[in-house]
Amino acid sequence: MPIYEFICKKCGKKFETIVSLGKEKDVFCVKCGSHDIQKCISSFGIKGTDKRTNSSNGYSTCSSGTCSLRK
């Protein structure tokens, strides 16, 4: 089972959890219990850097602190 990184849209808490494929809808925020969360792309799962965007494959990551929902 893969480990995914999530950010809560309600409280802004960033967290990681192990999730079975197709079971993302069962994940909830570890701080406030909200199911209104977003799965982020983890930096460890991406190789290479796109020099034009200064990020891997053009995606921002929560672990780098650039997730658009981070408060």
PDB file of N, CA and C in Angstrom:
ATOM      1  N   MET A   1       0.837  -1.175   0.000  1.00  0.00           N
ATOM      2  CA  MET A   1       0.000   0.000   0.000  1.00  0.00           C
ATOM      3  C   MET A   1       0.890   1.250   0.000  1.00  0.00           C
ATOM      4  N   PRO A   2       0.564   2.205  -0.854  1.00  0.00           N
ATOM      5  CA  PRO A   2       1.384   3.424  -0.921  1.00  0.00           C
ATOM      6  C   PRO A   2       1.077   4.401   0.207  1.00  0.00           C
ATOM      7  N   ILE A   3       2.077   5.218   0.517  1.00  0.00           N
ATOM      8  CA  ILE A   3       1.907   6.304   1.472  1.00  0.00           C
ATOM      9  C   ILE A   3       1.609   7.563   0.670  1.00  0.00           C
ATOM     10  N   TYR A   4       0.532   8.242   1.023  1.00  0.00           N
ATOM     11  CA  TYR A   4       0.163   9.477   0.343  1.00  0.00           C
ATOM     12  C   TYR A   4       0.248  10.642   1.308  1.00  0.00           C
ATOM     13  N   GLU A   5       0.489  11.807   0.746  1.00  0.00           N
ATOM     14  CA  GLU A   5       0.530  13.050   1.502  1.00  0.00           C
ATOM     15  C   GLU A   5      -0.759  13.816   1.199  1.00  0.00           C
ATOM     16  N   PHE A   6      -1.408  14.311   2.226  1.00  0.00           N
ATOM     17  CA  PHE A   6      -2.667  15.038   2.086  1.00  0.00           C
ATOM     18  C   PHE A   6      -2.569  16.372   2.794  1.00  0.00           C
ATOM     19  N   ILE A   7      -3.445  17.306   2.414  1.00  0.00           N
ATOM     20  CA  ILE A   7      -3.607  18.555   3.139  1.00  0.00           C
ATOM     21  C   ILE A   7      -5.101  18.780   3.319  1.00  0.00           C
ATOM     22  N   CYS A   8      -5.472  19.183   4.519  1.00  0.00           N
ATOM     23  CA  CYS A   8      -6.873  19.423   4.844  1.00  0.00           C
ATOM     24  C   CYS A   8      -7.280  20.807   4.333  1.00  0.00           C
ATOM     25  N   LYS A   9      -8.366  20.858   3.581  1.00  0.00           N
ATOM     26  CA  LYS A   9      -8.865  22.134   3.066  1.00  0.00           C
ATOM     27  C   LYS A   9      -9.529  22.961   4.156  1.00  0.00           C
ATOM     28  N   LYS A  10      -9.927  22.321   5.250  1.00  0.00           N
ATOM     29  CA  LYS A  10     -10.617  23.026   6.343  1.00  0.00           C
ATOM     30  C   LYS A  10      -9.632  23.679   7.313  1.00  0.00           C
ATOM     31  N   CYS A  11      -8.667  22.904   7.809  1.00  0.00           N
ATOM     32  CA  CYS A  11      -7.769  23.448   8.837  1.00  0.00           C
ATOM     33  C   CYS A  11      -6.330  23.654   8.363  1.00  0.00           C
ATOM     34  N   GLY A  12      -5.986  23.154   7.162  1.00  0.00           N
ATOM     35  CA  GLY A  12      -4.642  23.351   6.624  1.00  0.00           C
ATOM     36  C   GLY A  12      -3.606  22.351   7.104  1.00  0.00           C
ATOM     37  N   LYS A  13      -4.002  21.364   7.908  1.00  0.00           N
ATOM     38  CA  LYS A  13      -3.074  20.356   8.423  1.00  0.00           C
ATOM     39  C   LYS A  13      -2.536  19.508   7.275  1.00  0.00           C
ATOM     40  N   LYS A  14      -1.218  19.336   7.227  1.00  0.00           N
ATOM     41  CA  LYS A  14      -0.564  18.473   6.245  1.00  0.00           C
ATOM     42  C   LYS A  14      -0.216  17.163   6.950  1.00  0.00           C
ATOM     43  N   PHE A  15      -0.546  16.020   6.326  1.00  0.00           N
ATOM     44  CA  PHE A  15      -0.272  14.733   6.957  1.00  0.00           C
ATOM     45  C   PHE A  15      -0.056  13.649   5.909  1.00  0.00           C
ATOM     46  N   GLU A  16       0.577  12.569   6.326  1.00  0.00           N
ATOM     47  CA  GLU A  16       0.801  11.404   5.471  1.00  0.00           C
ATOM     48  C   GLU A  16       0.039  10.223   6.049  1.00  0.00           C
ATOM     49  N   THR A  17      -0.418   9.349   5.161  1.00  0.00           N
ATOM     50  CA  THR A  17      -1.093   8.140   5.624  1.00  0.00           C
ATOM     51  C   THR A  17      -0.965   7.044   4.567  1.00  0.00           C
ATOM     52  N   ILE A  18      -1.035   5.815   5.004  1.00  0.00           N
ATOM     53  CA  ILE A  18      -1.024   4.663   4.095  1.00  0.00           C
ATOM     54  C   ILE A  18      -2.455   4.443   3.620  1.00  0.00           C
ATOM     55  N   VAL A  19      -2.640   4.333   2.306  1.00  0.00           N
ATOM     56  CA  VAL A  19      -3.973   4.218   1.733  1.00  0.00           C
ATOM     57  C   VAL A  19      -3.997   3.109   0.690  1.00  0.00           C
ATOM     58  N   SER A  20      -4.978   2.219   0.795  1.00  0.00           N
ATOM     59  CA  SER A  20      -5.188   1.212  -0.246  1.00  0.00           C
ATOM     60  C   SER A  20      -5.675   1.921  -1.498  1.00  0.00           C
ATOM     61  N   LEU A  21      -5.274   1.441  -2.659  1.00  0.00           N
ATOM     62  CA  LEU A  21      -5.714   2.046  -3.906  1.00  0.00           C
ATOM     63  C   LEU A  21      -7.237   2.056  -3.973  1.00  0.00           C
ATOM     64  N   GLY A  22      -7.794   3.206  -4.343  1.00  0.00           N
ATOM     65  CA  GLY A  22      -9.237   3.361  -4.436  1.00  0.00           C
ATOM     66  C   GLY A  22      -9.923   3.693  -3.123  1.00  0.00           C
ATOM     67  N   LYS A  23      -9.163   3.782  -2.035  1.00  0.00           N
ATOM     68  CA  LYS A  23      -9.746   4.057  -0.712  1.00  0.00           C
ATOM     69  C   LYS A  23      -9.463   5.479  -0.227  1.00  0.00           C
ATOM     70  N   GLU A  24      -9.056   6.379  -1.138  1.00  0.00           N
ATOM     71  CA  GLU A  24      -8.759   7.756  -0.759  1.00  0.00           C
ATOM     72  C   GLU A  24      -9.962   8.443  -0.130  1.00  0.00           C
ATOM     73  N   LYS A  25     -11.166   8.059  -0.532  1.00  0.00           N
ATOM     74  CA  LYS A  25     -12.378   8.695   0.006  1.00  0.00           C
ATOM     75  C   LYS A  25     -12.579   8.387   1.485  1.00  0.00           C
ATOM     76  N   ASP A  26     -11.906   7.366   2.011  1.00  0.00           N
ATOM     77  CA  ASP A  26     -12.024   6.997   3.415  1.00  0.00           C
ATOM     78  C   ASP A  26     -11.056   7.765   4.317  1.00  0.00           C
ATOM     79  N   VAL A  27     -10.176   8.564   3.731  1.00  0.00           N
ATOM     80  CA  VAL A  27      -9.174   9.297   4.503  1.00  0.00           C
ATOM     81  C   VAL A  27      -9.803  10.568   5.083  1.00  0.00           C
ATOM     82  N   PHE A  28      -9.434  10.887   6.308  1.00  0.00           N
ATOM     83  CA  PHE A  28      -9.916  12.099   6.953  1.00  0.00           C
ATOM     84  C   PHE A  28      -8.752  12.785   7.648  1.00  0.00           C
ATOM     85  N   CYS A  29      -8.924  14.071   7.931  1.00  0.00           N
ATOM     86  CA  CYS A  29      -7.886  14.867   8.578  1.00  0.00           C
ATOM     87  C   CYS A  29      -7.604  14.340   9.979  1.00  0.00           C
ATOM     88  N   VAL A  30      -6.323  14.183  10.286  1.00  0.00           N
ATOM     89  CA  VAL A  30      -5.925  13.677  11.601  1.00  0.00           C
ATOM     90  C   VAL A  30      -6.082  14.727  12.690  1.00  0.00           C
ATOM     91  N   LYS A  31      -6.254  16.000  12.307  1.00  0.00           N
ATOM     92  CA  LYS A  31      -6.404  17.073  13.294  1.00  0.00           C
ATOM     93  C   LYS A  31      -7.866  17.403  13.573  1.00  0.00           C
ATOM     94  N   CYS A  32      -8.666  17.644  12.497  1.00  0.00           N
ATOM     95  CA  CYS A  32     -10.045  18.104  12.719  1.00  0.00           C
ATOM     96  C   CYS A  32     -11.108  17.083  12.297  1.00  0.00           C
ATOM     97  N   GLY A  33     -10.703  15.989  11.629  1.00  0.00           N
ATOM     98  CA  GLY A  33     -11.645  14.951  11.242  1.00  0.00           C
ATOM     99  C   GLY A  33     -12.382  15.204   9.936  1.00  0.00           C
ATOM    100  N   SER A  34     -12.081  16.313   9.259  1.00  0.00           N
ATOM    101  CA  SER A  34     -12.755  16.654   8.007  1.00  0.00           C
ATOM    102  C   SER A  34     -12.375  15.674   6.886  1.00  0.00           C
ATOM    103  N   HIS A  35     -13.337  15.395   6.021  1.00  0.00           N
ATOM    104  CA  HIS A  35     -13.079  14.585   4.825  1.00  0.00           C
ATOM    105  C   HIS A  35     -12.777  15.477   3.624  1.00  0.00           C
ATOM    106  N   ASP A  36     -12.743  16.790   3.822  1.00  0.00           N
ATOM    107  CA  ASP A  36     -12.470  17.755   2.763  1.00  0.00           C
ATOM    108  C   ASP A  36     -10.956  17.940   2.664  1.00  0.00           C
ATOM    109  N   ILE A  37     -10.301  16.976   2.025  1.00  0.00           N
ATOM    110  CA  ILE A  37      -8.846  16.950   1.936  1.00  0.00           C
ATOM    111  C   ILE A  37      -8.416  16.860   0.482  1.00  0.00           C
ATOM    112  N   GLN A  38      -7.148  17.167   0.234  1.00  0.00           N
ATOM    113  CA  GLN A  38      -6.584  17.077  -1.110  1.00  0.00           C
ATOM    114  C   GLN A  38      -5.323  16.228  -1.053  1.00  0.00           C
ATOM    115  N   LYS A  39      -5.210  15.301  -1.982  1.00  0.00           N
ATOM    116  CA  LYS A  39      -4.004  14.487  -2.082  1.00  0.00           C
ATOM    117  C   LYS A  39      -2.953  15.301  -2.802  1.00  0.00           C
ATOM    118  N   CYS A  40      -1.758  15.362  -2.246  1.00  0.00           N
ATOM    119  CA  CYS A  40      -0.654  16.115  -2.826  1.00  0.00           C
ATOM    120  C   CYS A  40       0.335  15.164  -3.484  1.00  0.00           C
ATOM    121  N   ILE A  41       1.132  15.697  -4.351  1.00  0.00           N
ATOM    122  CA  ILE A  41       2.190  14.919  -4.989  1.00  0.00           C
ATOM    123  C   ILE A  41       3.418  15.013  -4.107  1.00  0.00           C
ATOM    124  N   SER A  42       3.920  13.883  -3.649  1.00  0.00           N
ATOM    125  CA  SER A  42       5.075  13.857  -2.760  1.00  0.00           C
ATOM    126  C   SER A  42       6.356  14.004  -3.561  1.00  0.00           C
ATOM    127  N   SER A  43       7.281  14.773  -3.055  1.00  0.00           N
ATOM    128  CA  SER A  43       8.533  15.029  -3.771  1.00  0.00           C
ATOM    129  C   SER A  43       9.396  13.778  -3.898  1.00  0.00           C
ATOM    130  N   PHE A  44       9.308  12.824  -2.972  1.00  0.00           N
ATOM    131  CA  PHE A  44      10.128  11.628  -3.057  1.00  0.00           C
ATOM    132  C   PHE A  44       9.707  10.727  -4.210  1.00  0.00           C
ATOM    133  N   GLY A  45       8.515  10.892  -4.715  1.00  0.00           N
ATOM    134  CA  GLY A  45       8.014  10.046  -5.797  1.00  0.00           C
ATOM    135  C   GLY A  45       8.283  10.579  -7.181  1.00  0.00           C
ATOM    136  N   ILE A  46       8.976  11.703  -7.286  1.00  0.00           N
ATOM    137  CA  ILE A  46       9.212  12.340  -8.569  1.00  0.00           C
ATOM    138  C   ILE A  46      10.710  12.480  -8.782  1.00  0.00           C
ATOM    139  N   LYS A  47      11.178  12.084  -9.965  1.00  0.00           N
ATOM    140  CA  LYS A  47      12.595  12.212 -10.284  1.00  0.00           C
ATOM    141  C   LYS A  47      12.791  13.359 -11.254  1.00  0.00           C
ATOM    142  N   GLY A  48      13.940  13.984 -11.168  1.00  0.00           N
ATOM    143  CA  GLY A  48      14.294  15.031 -12.116  1.00  0.00           C
ATOM    144  C   GLY A  48      13.715  16.370 -11.746  1.00  0.00           C
ATOM    145  N   THR A  49      14.308  17.396 -12.351  1.00  0.00           N
ATOM    146  CA  THR A  49      13.842  18.753 -12.119  1.00  0.00           C
ATOM    147  C   THR A  49      13.672  19.446 -13.455  1.00  0.00           C
ATOM    148  N   ASP A  50      12.557  20.097 -13.616  1.00  0.00           N
ATOM    149  CA  ASP A  50      12.297  20.895 -14.802  1.00  0.00           C
ATOM    150  C   ASP A  50      12.863  22.277 -14.522  1.00  0.00           C
ATOM    151  N   LYS A  51      13.910  22.664 -15.215  1.00  0.00           N
ATOM    152  CA  LYS A  51      14.589  23.921 -14.937  1.00  0.00           C
ATOM    153  C   LYS A  51      13.707  25.132 -15.221  1.00  0.00           C
ATOM    154  N   ARG A  52      12.690  24.986 -16.062  1.00  0.00           N
ATOM    155  CA  ARG A  52      11.814  26.109 -16.362  1.00  0.00           C
ATOM    156  C   ARG A  52      10.906  26.437 -15.183  1.00  0.00           C
ATOM    157  N   THR A  53      10.487  25.439 -14.417  1.00  0.00           N
ATOM    158  CA  THR A  53       9.572  25.679 -13.302  1.00  0.00           C
ATOM    159  C   THR A  53      10.258  25.542 -11.950  1.00  0.00           C
ATOM    160  N   ASN A  54      11.504  25.040 -11.966  1.00  0.00           N
ATOM    161  CA  ASN A  54      12.251  24.806 -10.732  1.00  0.00           C
ATOM    162  C   ASN A  54      11.529  23.837  -9.810  1.00  0.00           C
ATOM    163  N   SER A  55      10.745  22.926 -10.399  1.00  0.00           N
ATOM    164  CA  SER A  55      10.100  21.873  -9.624  1.00  0.00           C
ATOM    165  C   SER A  55       9.999  20.632 -10.499  1.00  0.00           C
ATOM    166  N   SER A  56       9.921  19.482  -9.898  1.00  0.00           N
ATOM    167  CA  SER A  56       9.861  18.231 -10.627  1.00  0.00           C
ATOM    168  C   SER A  56       8.597  18.140 -11.458  1.00  0.00           C
ATOM    169  N   ASN A  57       8.729  17.899 -12.726  1.00  0.00           N
ATOM    170  CA  ASN A  57       7.606  17.713 -13.646  1.00  0.00           C
ATOM    171  C   ASN A  57       6.604  18.867 -13.621  1.00  0.00           C
ATOM    172  N   GLY A  58       6.978  20.023 -13.111  1.00  0.00           N
ATOM    173  CA  GLY A  58       6.093  21.180 -13.102  1.00  0.00           C
ATOM    174  C   GLY A  58       5.060  21.184 -11.995  1.00  0.00           C
ATOM    175  N   TYR A  59       5.086  20.185 -11.125  1.00  0.00           N
ATOM    176  CA  TYR A  59       4.107  20.115 -10.040  1.00  0.00           C
ATOM    177  C   TYR A  59       4.684  20.687  -8.759  1.00  0.00           C
ATOM    178  N   SER A  60       3.877  21.376  -8.004  1.00  0.00           N
ATOM    179  CA  SER A  60       4.274  21.819  -6.679  1.00  0.00           C
ATOM    180  C   SER A  60       3.996  20.695  -5.694  1.00  0.00           C
ATOM    181  N   THR A  61       4.696  20.684  -4.590  1.00  0.00           N
ATOM    182  CA  THR A  61       4.500  19.621  -3.612  1.00  0.00           C
ATOM    183  C   THR A  61       4.204  20.206  -2.240  1.00  0.00           C
ATOM    184  N   CYS A  62       3.455  19.461  -1.456  1.00  0.00           N
ATOM    185  CA  CYS A  62       3.184  19.893  -0.091  1.00  0.00           C
ATOM    186  C   CYS A  62       4.455  19.855   0.740  1.00  0.00           C
ATOM    187  N   SER A  63       5.295  18.855   0.524  1.00  0.00           N
ATOM    188  CA  SER A  63       6.483  18.711   1.359  1.00  0.00           C
ATOM    189  C   SER A  63       7.468  19.849   1.154  1.00  0.00           C
ATOM    190  N   SER A  64       7.391  20.542   0.025  1.00  0.00           N
ATOM    191  CA  SER A  64       8.270  21.679  -0.190  1.00  0.00           C
ATOM    192  C   SER A  64       7.659  22.961   0.360  1.00  0.00           C
ATOM    193  N   GLY A  65       6.416  22.867   0.857  1.00  0.00           N
ATOM    194  CA  GLY A  65       5.765  24.027   1.422  1.00  0.00           C
ATOM    195  C   GLY A  65       5.080  24.905   0.394  1.00  0.00           C
ATOM    196  N   THR A  66       4.889  24.372  -0.821  1.00  0.00           N
ATOM    197  CA  THR A  66       4.283  25.200  -1.863  1.00  0.00           C
ATOM    198  C   THR A  66       2.896  24.727  -2.254  1.00  0.00           C
ATOM    199  N   CYS A  67       2.297  23.831  -1.523  1.00  0.00           N
ATOM    200  CA  CYS A  67       0.952  23.372  -1.843  1.00  0.00           C
ATOM    201  C   CYS A  67       0.003  24.568  -1.799  1.00  0.00           C
ATOM    202  N   SER A  68      -0.804  24.711  -2.814  1.00  0.00           N
ATOM    203  CA  SER A  68      -1.635  25.910  -2.955  1.00  0.00           C
ATOM    204  C   SER A  68      -2.638  26.102  -1.824  1.00  0.00           C
ATOM    205  N   LEU A  69      -2.932  25.054  -1.062  1.00  0.00           N
ATOM    206  CA  LEU A  69      -3.907  25.174   0.020  1.00  0.00           C
ATOM    207  C   LEU A  69      -3.267  25.447   1.366  1.00  0.00           C
ATOM    208  N   ARG A  70      -1.960  25.432   1.419  1.00  0.00           N
ATOM    209  CA  ARG A  70      -1.284  25.614   2.700  1.00  0.00           C
ATOM    210  C   ARG A  70      -1.565  26.998   3.253  1.00  0.00           C
ATOM    211  N   LYS A  71      -1.851  27.052   4.538  1.00  0.00           N
ATOM    212  CA  LYS A  71      -2.165  28.330   5.207  1.00  0.00           C
ATOM    213  C   LYS A  71      -1.010  28.809   6.025  1.00  0.00           C
TER     214      LYS A  71
END
